[in-house]
Amino acid sequence: MKGYIVFNKEKTLDAAEMAAYTDKVASTFVGHDIKVLAAYGKHEVLEGEPTEGVVIAEFPTVEAAKAWYESQEYREVRKHRHNGAIYRAILVEGV
């Protein structure tokens, strides 16, 4: 079953850190079967707290999603995201 990681950016803290993340994140996709389905497009919050943006990434399996997320390459880059904004990241299995 496919795996999806949903990133929900709740609040930007440091635009320079977010720019560093944006510049480097695509390089972490090399060697991983990842398809970005949505990335900071127009959105409407139907329930819950406001959000600044959403990213949805599709992987062939949950294990593949975790392998990318825990990869050394992404760990190095995601520190910029952690320093740059408050996010919620959710791993979900498809149906």
Protein backbone atom coordinates (compact mmCIF):
# COMPACT_ATOMS: atom_id res chain seq x y z
CA MET A 1 0.00 0.00 0.00
CA LYS A 2 1.13 3.52 -0.75
CA GLY A 3 2.42 5.77 1.99
CA TYR A 4 1.86 9.50 2.27
CA ILE A 5 3.60 12.15 4.31
CA VAL A 6 1.52 15.24 4.97
CA PHE A 7 3.41 18.33 6.12
CA ASN A 8 1.33 21.10 7.67
CA LYS A 9 3.17 24.38 8.21
CA GLU A 10 1.54 26.08 11.16
CA LYS A 11 3.76 29.14 11.56
CA THR A 12 6.95 30.50 9.98
CA LEU A 13 9.62 31.45 12.52
CA ASP A 14 12.65 32.21 10.32
CA ALA A 15 12.30 32.91 6.60
CA ALA A 16 16.04 32.43 5.95
CA GLU A 17 15.94 28.91 7.45
CA MET A 18 12.89 28.09 5.34
CA ALA A 19 14.67 29.36 2.23
CA ALA A 20 17.63 27.09 3.02
CA TYR A 21 15.24 24.15 3.39
CA THR A 22 13.48 24.95 0.11
CA ASP A 23 16.81 25.22 -1.71
CA LYS A 24 18.05 21.84 -0.46
CA VAL A 25 15.05 19.54 -0.04
CA ALA A 26 14.77 18.40 -3.68
CA SER A 27 18.30 16.98 -3.52
CA THR A 28 17.08 14.53 -0.85
CA PHE A 29 14.68 12.94 -3.35
CA VAL A 30 17.54 11.29 -5.28
CA GLY A 31 17.29 7.52 -4.92
CA HIS A 32 13.77 7.67 -3.48
CA ASP A 33 10.52 7.08 -5.33
CA ILE A 34 8.66 10.21 -4.21
CA LYS A 35 5.87 12.09 -5.92
CA VAL A 36 4.82 15.48 -4.55
CA LEU A 37 1.05 15.68 -4.99
CA ALA A 38 0.51 19.12 -3.45
CA ALA A 39 2.90 21.84 -2.28
CA TYR A 40 1.71 25.10 -0.76
CA GLY A 41 -1.15 25.53 -3.20
CA LYS A 42 -4.33 27.41 -2.50
CA HIS A 43 -6.05 25.81 0.47
CA GLU A 44 -9.02 26.23 2.74
CA VAL A 45 -9.09 25.06 6.36
CA LEU A 46 -12.44 23.36 6.88
CA GLU A 47 -11.85 22.40 10.52
CA GLY A 48 -9.24 23.24 13.11
CA GLU A 49 -6.56 25.87 13.42
CA PRO A 50 -5.34 27.99 10.50
CA THR A 51 -2.37 26.72 8.52
CA GLU A 52 0.15 28.54 6.34
CA GLY A 53 0.58 25.67 3.91
CA VAL A 54 0.39 21.97 3.19
CA VAL A 55 2.61 19.49 1.32
CA ILE A 56 1.49 15.97 0.44
CA ALA A 57 4.12 13.50 -0.75
CA GLU A 58 3.34 10.02 -2.08
CA PHE A 59 5.62 6.98 -1.76
CA PRO A 60 5.18 3.39 -2.98
CA THR A 61 4.92 2.15 0.65
CA VAL A 62 4.92 3.44 4.21
CA GLU A 63 8.36 1.89 4.59
CA ALA A 64 9.65 3.86 1.59
CA ALA A 65 8.25 7.07 3.09
CA LYS A 66 9.99 6.38 6.41
CA ALA A 67 13.23 5.49 4.60
CA TRP A 68 13.25 8.92 2.92
CA TYR A 69 12.23 10.79 6.09
CA GLU A 70 14.91 9.05 8.17
CA SER A 71 17.61 9.18 5.48
CA GLN A 72 20.85 10.94 6.37
CA GLU A 73 20.31 13.36 3.49
CA TYR A 74 16.87 14.45 4.67
CA ARG A 75 17.90 14.59 8.34
CA GLU A 76 20.56 17.13 7.39
CA VAL A 77 18.08 19.27 5.46
CA ARG A 78 15.07 19.01 7.76
CA LYS A 79 16.94 20.80 10.56
CA HIS A 80 16.36 23.97 8.50
CA ARG A 81 12.62 23.25 8.46
CA HIS A 82 12.63 22.64 12.21
CA ASN A 83 14.48 25.93 12.77
CA GLY A 84 12.38 27.81 10.25
CA ALA A 85 8.80 26.95 11.15
CA ILE A 86 6.41 25.05 13.33
CA TYR A 87 5.22 22.00 11.38
CA ARG A 88 3.14 18.93 11.88
CA ALA A 89 4.27 15.92 9.82
CA ILE A 90 2.00 12.90 9.51
CA LEU A 91 2.74 9.54 7.90
CA VAL A 92 -0.39 7.78 6.67
CA GLU A 93 -0.98 4.52 4.83
CA GLY A 94 -3.16 4.67 1.73
CA VAL A 95 -6.24 2.58 1.12
